[in-house]
């Protein structure tokens, strides 16, 4: 089963929890653990689109909330203004208006092996991973697209007792890093590994107790990552790690912005990332949004949600301004509805019949047709949403959108 199906299953179970008798104890936790075991190649600071299955379930997911998480006061939030499809007009065609923002990339190496893309570097070099078995990365590659020449960056070490294979590849300072986890003698361990992009032997940078990492990135000469106990930092060159004080219960939204509350694997909060904290400057922000029967999912500037009873998608700035609603025919949950690059929202003007990936531009109020065929998936927010690259892999091939090239 793929991650896409896992996410769809979790969204369906969440909805069923509100409509059916009590869910068996631990069911959602078991689904979450299964998802973590299957999550393999995660593209962090440099990449990858997250494909989430949304069609065919017939349910509206993500409505379960934490009992202690009450709706925020909306006294400062403005009204939500309905926007019709007719008012949106015809979508702008991305390939025609901003051709540098989208391109097709090879899904295979010259030797025929399937390549999972990580990042497209300046100069047309594609970094990606190959797998030795189902979603088990074995090598990192550098692929010169112009010269059609590929070379191995490094072999990926797979420890005994592995639970989660190499995940969340991140690139910076001429290095590529990733994390993995394994269990030995009943003890779970997470390790962060790295290798020079120019090529060389992979080496362990740091290890710690735990079974997973939520986000991994490189910030200058520092590695930053999230775990259940907070945001961690360690030198890229190796050395002891530290936990940023007061970050328990926070996740990386768009570094250095971190957010709370988070999804705990059991229930969605009313406002995902209602509180923001800039770890670098100390600035804090709190969302003041209109009441919503569904769940809000917030980025740094914008928040998005859906009302399954009114069949609408709702958008509003974190400060309560510029609120609007769009008609929505497709079931949505916080897993399938999010703000991308703090500006774009996946949208389906023809419901599940929409044949290409279409985006709603929060800045301009226009629709953008990427021209990239969709086969039952939707783009979703990256863990570190500051990165502009998104890869889309499906039956039509592999395509890259660079959101930073849309003015």
Protein backbone atom coordinates (compact mmCIF):
# COMPACT_ATOMS: atom_id res chain seq x y z
CA UNK A 1 0.00 0.00 0.00
CA UNK A 2 1.35 3.46 -0.89
CA UNK A 3 1.53 6.56 1.29
CA UNK A 4 -1.26 8.06 -0.83
CA UNK A 5 -3.63 5.26 0.09
CA UNK A 6 -2.50 5.43 3.71
CA UNK A 7 -3.42 9.10 3.90
CA UNK A 8 -6.78 8.53 2.24
CA UNK A 9 -7.49 5.70 4.67
CA UNK A 10 -6.61 7.86 7.66
CA UNK A 11 -8.87 10.68 6.42
CA UNK A 12 -11.74 8.24 5.95
CA UNK A 13 -11.26 6.75 9.42
CA UNK A 14 -11.27 10.21 10.95
CA UNK A 15 -14.62 11.01 9.36
CA UNK A 16 -16.06 7.65 10.32
CA UNK A 17 -15.15 8.34 13.93
CA UNK A 18 -17.76 11.10 14.00
CA UNK A 19 -20.44 9.13 12.19
CA UNK A 20 -20.08 5.71 13.76
CA UNK A 21 -19.81 4.12 17.21
CA UNK A 22 -16.60 4.55 19.14
CA UNK A 23 -13.49 3.65 17.14
CA UNK A 24 -11.66 0.66 18.53
CA UNK A 25 -8.93 1.76 20.90
CA UNK A 26 -5.64 2.42 19.13
CA UNK A 27 -6.97 2.05 15.58
CA UNK A 28 -5.81 5.43 14.30
CA UNK A 29 -2.50 5.01 16.09
CA UNK A 30 -1.96 1.68 14.34
CA UNK A 31 -2.74 3.29 10.99
CA UNK A 32 -0.28 6.08 11.79
CA UNK A 33 2.46 3.62 12.74
CA UNK A 34 1.87 1.68 9.54
CA UNK A 35 2.17 4.89 7.55
CA UNK A 36 5.46 5.73 9.22
CA UNK A 37 6.86 2.31 8.42
CA UNK A 38 5.93 2.77 4.79
CA UNK A 39 7.15 6.32 4.46
CA UNK A 40 10.43 5.99 2.65
CA UNK A 41 11.75 8.66 0.36
CA UNK A 42 10.75 12.01 1.86
CA UNK A 43 12.02 15.08 0.09
CA UNK A 44 12.63 17.82 2.64
CA UNK A 45 14.45 21.11 2.24
CA UNK A 46 14.88 20.69 -1.45
CA UNK A 47 11.71 19.19 -2.80
CA UNK A 48 9.06 16.81 -3.72
CA UNK A 49 5.36 17.07 -4.12
CA UNK A 50 3.31 15.12 -1.68
CA UNK A 51 0.59 13.20 -3.49
CA UNK A 52 -2.52 12.47 -1.46
CA UNK A 53 -5.34 10.28 -2.73
CA UNK A 54 -8.66 12.09 -2.55
CA UNK A 55 -11.06 10.33 -4.88
CA UNK A 56 -13.35 7.41 -4.42
CA UNK A 57 -13.80 7.41 -0.65
CA UNK A 58 -17.15 9.20 -0.63
CA UNK A 59 -16.35 10.64 2.79
CA UNK A 60 -15.27 14.00 4.09
CA UNK A 61 -12.27 13.48 6.36
CA UNK A 62 -10.50 15.34 9.08
CA UNK A 63 -13.43 16.54 11.18
CA UNK A 64 -12.39 15.04 14.49
CA UNK A 65 -11.11 17.64 16.90
CA UNK A 66 -9.30 17.74 20.20
CA UNK A 67 -11.69 18.19 23.13
CA UNK A 68 -9.44 20.80 24.72
CA UNK A 69 -8.98 22.82 21.51
CA UNK A 70 -11.89 25.29 21.38
CA UNK A 71 -12.57 27.54 18.37
CA UNK A 72 -10.60 30.80 18.40
CA UNK A 73 -12.38 34.05 19.05
CA UNK A 74 -13.45 35.60 15.76
CA UNK A 75 -14.17 39.13 17.01
CA UNK A 76 -11.40 40.57 14.84
CA UNK A 77 -12.01 38.33 11.84
CA UNK A 78 -13.70 39.85 8.83
CA UNK A 79 -16.62 38.39 6.91
CA UNK A 80 -16.18 35.52 4.46
CA UNK A 81 -17.20 36.64 0.98
CA UNK A 82 -18.50 33.97 -1.44
CA UNK A 83 -16.72 33.77 -4.80
CA UNK A 84 -18.42 31.92 -7.65
CA UNK A 85 -16.70 29.82 -10.31
CA UNK A 86 -17.98 32.24 -12.93
CA UNK A 87 -16.24 35.11 -11.18
CA UNK A 88 -12.95 33.19 -11.12
CA UNK A 89 -12.93 32.97 -14.89
CA UNK A 90 -10.78 30.72 -17.06
CA UNK A 91 -7.54 29.49 -15.45
CA UNK A 92 -4.24 31.03 -16.48
CA UNK A 93 -2.11 28.41 -18.26
CA UNK A 94 1.16 28.06 -16.36
CA UNK A 95 3.20 26.66 -19.24
CA UNK A 96 2.22 29.58 -21.48
CA UNK A 97 2.43 32.45 -18.99
CA UNK A 98 5.46 31.36 -16.93
CA UNK A 99 7.19 28.53 -18.81
CA UNK A 100 10.23 28.56 -16.50
CA UNK A 101 8.00 27.58 -13.56
CA UNK A 102 7.17 24.09 -14.83
CA UNK A 103 9.09 21.39 -16.66
CA UNK A 104 9.12 17.66 -17.21
CA UNK A 105 12.07 15.71 -15.81
CA UNK A 106 13.18 12.12 -16.44
CA UNK A 107 11.66 9.48 -14.23
CA UNK A 108 14.48 7.05 -15.00
CA UNK A 109 18.26 7.09 -15.18
CA UNK A 110 20.05 6.31 -18.45
CA UNK A 111 20.53 2.76 -17.11
CA UNK A 112 16.76 2.35 -16.85
CA UNK A 113 16.43 2.48 -13.05
CA UNK A 114 13.51 4.46 -11.64
CA UNK A 115 14.69 7.72 -10.05
CA UNK A 116 12.83 9.31 -7.13
CA UNK A 117 13.59 13.05 -7.51
CA UNK A 118 14.98 15.02 -4.59
CA UNK A 119 15.96 18.40 -6.08
CA UNK A 120 16.79 20.13 -9.33
CA UNK A 121 19.98 22.11 -8.78
CA UNK A 122 21.22 25.13 -10.70
CA UNK A 123 22.79 24.05 -13.94
CA UNK A 124 20.24 21.35 -14.68
CA UNK A 125 21.49 18.65 -12.32
CA UNK A 126 18.78 16.41 -10.90
CA UNK A 127 19.49 14.77 -7.53
CA UNK A 128 17.47 11.67 -6.78
CA UNK A 129 17.40 8.25 -5.16
CA UNK A 130 16.99 4.74 -6.49
CA UNK A 131 15.52 1.86 -4.51
CA UNK A 132 16.68 -1.74 -4.16
CA UNK A 133 13.20 -2.96 -3.23
CA UNK A 134 9.82 -1.43 -2.48
CA UNK A 135 10.58 2.15 -1.37
CA UNK A 136 13.95 1.17 0.13
CA UNK A 137 16.52 3.74 -1.07
CA UNK A 138 19.91 2.25 -1.88
CA UNK A 139 21.80 4.99 -3.77
CA UNK A 140 21.76 8.74 -4.27
CA UNK A 141 22.44 9.96 -7.79
CA UNK A 142 23.45 13.15 -9.59
CA UNK A 143 21.96 13.29 -13.09
CA UNK A 144 23.21 15.88 -15.62
CA UNK A 145 20.07 16.39 -17.69
CA UNK A 146 21.79 18.21 -20.56
CA UNK A 147 24.59 15.68 -20.93
CA UNK A 148 22.36 12.75 -19.93
CA UNK A 149 25.10 11.45 -17.66
CA UNK A 150 24.47 10.05 -14.18
CA UNK A 151 26.87 9.29 -11.36
CA UNK A 152 26.44 7.84 -7.89
CA UNK A 153 26.74 10.37 -5.07
CA UNK A 154 26.80 7.74 -2.34
CA UNK A 155 25.53 4.34 -1.28
CA UNK A 156 22.87 4.50 1.43
CA UNK A 157 23.52 2.44 4.55
CA UNK A 158 20.61 0.31 5.81
CA UNK A 159 21.12 -0.71 9.47
CA UNK A 160 19.85 -4.00 10.83
CA UNK A 161 16.41 -3.79 12.39
CA UNK A 162 15.44 -0.87 10.14
CA UNK A 163 11.94 0.54 10.69
CA UNK A 164 12.03 3.60 8.44
CA UNK A 165 14.55 3.71 5.62
CA UNK A 166 16.38 6.82 4.37
CA UNK A 167 13.85 9.68 4.40
CA UNK A 168 13.55 13.47 4.11
CA UNK A 169 16.59 14.12 1.93
CA UNK A 170 17.78 17.71 2.41
CA UNK A 171 20.49 19.63 0.55
CA UNK A 172 22.69 22.54 1.61
CA UNK A 173 26.29 23.65 2.01
CA UNK A 174 27.42 21.12 -0.58
CA UNK A 175 25.99 18.27 1.49
CA UNK A 176 22.97 15.99 1.28
CA UNK A 177 21.51 14.58 4.50
CA UNK A 178 18.74 12.18 5.47
CA UNK A 179 17.40 10.31 8.48
CA UNK A 180 16.49 6.71 9.22
CA UNK A 181 15.33 4.69 12.20
CA UNK A 182 15.80 1.15 13.46
CA UNK A 183 15.10 -1.02 16.50
CA UNK A 184 17.69 -3.18 18.24
CA UNK A 185 17.06 -5.04 21.52
CA UNK A 186 13.75 -3.25 21.96
CA UNK A 187 15.26 0.22 21.66
CA UNK A 188 14.30 2.64 18.87
CA UNK A 189 17.06 4.81 17.43
CA UNK A 190 16.97 7.66 14.92
CA UNK A 191 20.12 8.58 13.01
CA UNK A 192 20.93 11.46 10.66
CA UNK A 193 23.37 10.63 7.87
CA UNK A 194 25.10 12.74 5.25
CA UNK A 195 27.40 12.72 2.23
CA UNK A 196 29.07 15.35 0.03
CA UNK A 197 27.11 16.21 -3.11
CA UNK A 198 30.35 15.92 -5.05
CA UNK A 199 30.42 12.25 -4.08
CA UNK A 200 31.83 10.24 -1.21
CA UNK A 201 31.13 7.72 1.51
CA UNK A 202 28.01 8.29 3.61
CA UNK A 203 28.66 8.95 7.30
CA UNK A 204 26.54 9.13 10.42
CA UNK A 205 26.27 12.68 11.75
CA UNK A 206 24.27 12.07 14.92
CA UNK A 207 22.06 9.45 16.58
CA UNK A 208 19.43 9.69 19.31
CA UNK A 209 16.57 7.77 20.89
CA UNK A 210 13.29 7.93 19.02
CA UNK A 211 11.48 6.39 16.07
CA UNK A 212 10.85 9.26 13.65
CA UNK A 213 11.57 12.84 12.62
CA UNK A 214 8.87 15.18 11.35
CA UNK A 215 11.03 17.58 9.32
CA UNK A 216 14.73 17.73 8.44
CA UNK A 217 16.57 20.68 6.89
CA UNK A 218 19.92 22.45 6.65
CA UNK A 219 20.16 26.05 7.90
CA UNK A 220 23.64 27.34 7.14
CA UNK A 221 26.09 25.16 9.05
CA UNK A 222 23.33 23.74 11.25
CA UNK A 223 21.00 20.77 10.90
CA UNK A 224 17.47 21.45 12.15
CA UNK A 225 14.82 18.81 12.72
CA UNK A 226 11.56 18.26 14.54
CA UNK A 227 10.64 15.46 16.95
CA UNK A 228 7.86 14.89 19.44
CA UNK A 229 9.79 16.70 22.18
CA UNK A 230 10.52 19.83 20.14
CA UNK A 231 12.85 21.35 17.57
CA UNK A 232 16.43 20.05 17.58
CA UNK A 233 19.68 21.51 16.25
CA UNK A 234 23.17 20.10 15.67
CA UNK A 235 26.27 21.14 13.71
CA UNK A 236 26.29 19.91 10.11
CA UNK A 237 29.86 18.79 10.71
CA UNK A 238 28.76 16.62 13.64
CA UNK A 239 28.55 17.10 17.38
CA UNK A 240 26.07 17.24 20.23
CA UNK A 241 22.47 18.26 19.59
CA UNK A 242 20.31 20.68 21.56
CA UNK A 243 16.55 21.11 21.87
CA UNK A 244 15.26 24.66 21.41
CA UNK A 245 13.66 25.52 24.78
CA UNK A 246 9.88 25.79 24.76
CA UNK A 247 9.35 24.05 21.40
CA UNK A 248 7.62 20.90 22.64
CA UNK A 249 4.36 20.57 20.72
CA UNK A 250 5.65 22.62 17.78
CA UNK A 251 6.44 21.59 14.21
CA UNK A 252 8.38 23.34 11.47
CA UNK A 253 5.97 25.21 9.20
CA UNK A 254 8.32 27.32 7.05
CA UNK A 255 11.69 27.65 8.72
CA UNK A 256 12.38 29.60 10.88
CA UNK A 257 8.62 29.69 11.55
CA UNK A 258 7.33 26.88 13.76
CA UNK A 259 3.69 26.24 14.61
CA UNK A 260 1.34 24.79 17.22
CA UNK A 261 -0.99 22.97 17.83
CA UNK A 262 -0.15 20.03 15.61
CA UNK A 263 -1.93 16.87 14.51
CA UNK A 264 -1.11 14.28 17.17
CA UNK A 265 -2.21 11.23 15.19
CA UNK A 266 -5.53 11.09 17.04
CA UNK A 267 -7.48 14.29 16.48
CA UNK A 268 -7.18 17.42 14.36
CA UNK A 269 -7.10 20.73 16.22
CA UNK A 270 -9.64 23.38 15.20
CA UNK A 271 -6.79 25.47 13.81
CA UNK A 272 -3.66 23.63 12.73
CA UNK A 273 -0.66 25.89 13.53
CA UNK A 274 -2.85 28.57 15.08
CA UNK A 275 0.20 29.91 16.94
CA UNK A 276 3.39 30.77 15.06
CA UNK A 277 6.82 31.44 16.51
CA UNK A 278 9.80 32.72 14.57
CA UNK A 279 12.63 30.78 16.17
CA UNK A 280 15.19 33.22 14.79
CA UNK A 281 13.65 36.58 15.76
CA UNK A 282 11.30 35.56 18.58
CA UNK A 283 8.26 37.07 16.84
CA UNK A 284 4.95 35.36 17.63
CA UNK A 285 1.66 35.42 15.73
CA UNK A 286 -1.76 33.98 16.50
CA UNK A 287 -4.52 33.36 13.99
CA UNK A 288 -7.86 35.17 14.45
CA UNK A 289 -10.21 33.43 12.05
CA UNK A 290 -13.91 33.21 11.32
CA UNK A 291 -15.76 30.28 12.94
CA UNK A 292 -15.68 27.11 10.84
CA UNK A 293 -17.35 23.73 11.32
CA UNK A 294 -14.34 22.07 9.73
CA UNK A 295 -10.63 22.41 10.50
CA UNK A 296 -8.45 25.36 9.56
CA UNK A 297 -4.92 24.61 8.29
CA UNK A 298 -2.58 27.59 8.48
CA UNK A 299 0.65 28.62 6.80
CA UNK A 300 2.61 31.74 7.75
CA UNK A 301 0.23 34.24 6.13
CA UNK A 302 -2.83 32.32 4.94
CA UNK A 303 -5.17 29.70 6.35
CA UNK A 304 -7.52 27.36 4.49
CA UNK A 305 -10.36 25.14 5.61
CA UNK A 306 -13.50 23.47 4.32
CA UNK A 307 -17.09 23.24 5.45
CA UNK A 308 -18.39 19.80 4.41
CA UNK A 309 -21.99 20.75 5.13
CA UNK A 310 -21.90 23.85 2.91
CA UNK A 311 -19.50 22.18 0.44
CA UNK A 312 -17.21 25.19 0.40
CA UNK A 313 -13.50 25.88 0.71
CA UNK A 314 -12.66 28.78 3.00
CA UNK A 315 -9.60 31.03 2.89
CA UNK A 316 -8.57 33.82 5.22
CA UNK A 317 -5.42 35.63 6.19
CA UNK A 318 -4.06 34.74 9.60
CA UNK A 319 -4.89 38.28 10.75
CA UNK A 320 -8.58 37.75 9.92
CA UNK A 321 -8.61 39.79 6.71
CA UNK A 322 -9.47 38.91 3.09
CA UNK A 323 -11.77 36.02 3.96
CA UNK A 324 -13.57 34.28 1.10
CA UNK A 325 -15.22 30.99 0.18
CA UNK A 326 -15.17 28.95 -3.03
CA UNK A 327 -17.56 26.15 -4.03
CA UNK A 328 -16.06 22.72 -3.37
CA UNK A 329 -17.29 19.44 -4.85
CA UNK A 330 -14.36 17.32 -3.69
CA UNK A 331 -14.19 15.85 -0.16
CA UNK A 332 -11.42 17.62 1.73
CA UNK A 333 -9.56 17.32 5.02
CA UNK A 334 -6.41 18.89 6.50
CA UNK A 335 -4.52 16.06 4.78
CA UNK A 336 -5.77 17.05 1.34
CA UNK A 337 -6.29 20.80 1.71
CA UNK A 338 -3.40 23.09 2.58
CA UNK A 339 -1.63 26.30 1.60
CA UNK A 340 1.41 25.68 -0.62
CA UNK A 341 4.35 28.08 -0.54
CA UNK A 342 2.16 30.40 1.56
CA UNK A 343 0.29 31.40 -1.60
CA UNK A 344 -1.40 28.58 -3.55
CA UNK A 345 -4.22 26.14 -2.81
CA UNK A 346 -4.99 23.02 -4.89
CA UNK A 347 -8.43 23.45 -6.44
CA UNK A 348 -10.75 21.29 -8.53
CA UNK A 349 -13.04 23.50 -10.64
CA UNK A 350 -14.67 20.39 -12.14
CA UNK A 351 -14.54 18.30 -8.98
CA UNK A 352 -12.93 14.90 -9.37
CA UNK A 353 -13.33 15.27 -13.13
CA UNK A 354 -10.60 17.93 -13.13
CA UNK A 355 -7.94 16.42 -15.39
CA UNK A 356 -4.93 18.60 -14.54
CA UNK A 357 -3.48 20.10 -11.38
CA UNK A 358 -5.15 23.48 -10.88
CA UNK A 359 -4.15 26.01 -8.23
CA UNK A 360 -5.97 28.95 -6.67
CA UNK A 361 -3.60 31.91 -6.28
CA UNK A 362 -4.37 33.63 -2.98
CA UNK A 363 -2.35 36.69 -4.02
CA UNK A 364 -4.19 37.39 -7.28
CA UNK A 365 -7.49 35.57 -6.80
CA UNK A 366 -6.98 33.72 -10.10
CA UNK A 367 -6.87 30.06 -11.06
CA UNK A 368 -3.68 28.61 -12.55
CA UNK A 369 -3.76 25.47 -14.69
CA UNK A 370 -0.37 23.78 -14.40
CA UNK A 371 -1.08 21.57 -17.40
CA UNK A 372 0.26 18.61 -15.42
CA UNK A 373 -2.10 15.61 -15.69
CA UNK A 374 -3.50 14.36 -12.39
CA UNK A 375 -4.45 10.79 -11.62
CA UNK A 376 -6.30 10.86 -8.31
CA UNK A 377 -3.78 12.96 -6.38
CA UNK A 378 -3.50 16.53 -5.13
CA UNK A 379 -0.53 18.66 -4.21
CA UNK A 380 -0.06 19.29 -0.51
CA UNK A 381 2.07 21.53 1.70
CA UNK A 382 5.67 20.53 2.26
CA UNK A 383 6.87 20.03 5.77
CA UNK A 384 9.25 22.95 5.30
CA UNK A 385 7.05 25.05 3.04
CA UNK A 386 9.81 27.57 2.40
CA UNK A 387 11.14 25.36 -0.39
CA UNK A 388 9.56 26.27 -3.76
CA UNK A 389 10.11 23.00 -5.64
CA UNK A 390 7.42 20.35 -5.95
CA UNK A 391 7.73 17.15 -7.96
CA UNK A 392 4.63 15.36 -9.21
CA UNK A 393 4.99 11.70 -10.13
CA UNK A 394 2.15 9.73 -11.64
CA UNK A 395 1.26 7.63 -14.67
CA UNK A 396 1.90 10.62 -16.93
CA UNK A 397 5.54 10.89 -15.82
CA UNK A 398 7.50 13.25 -13.56
CA UNK A 399 7.02 17.02 -13.57
CA UNK A 400 8.50 19.83 -11.49
CA UNK A 401 6.82 23.07 -10.42
CA UNK A 402 9.04 25.87 -9.09
CA UNK A 403 6.66 28.23 -7.30
CA UNK A 404 9.36 30.87 -6.85
CA UNK A 405 9.20 31.51 -10.60
CA UNK A 406 5.56 32.58 -10.54
CA UNK A 407 5.68 36.37 -10.03
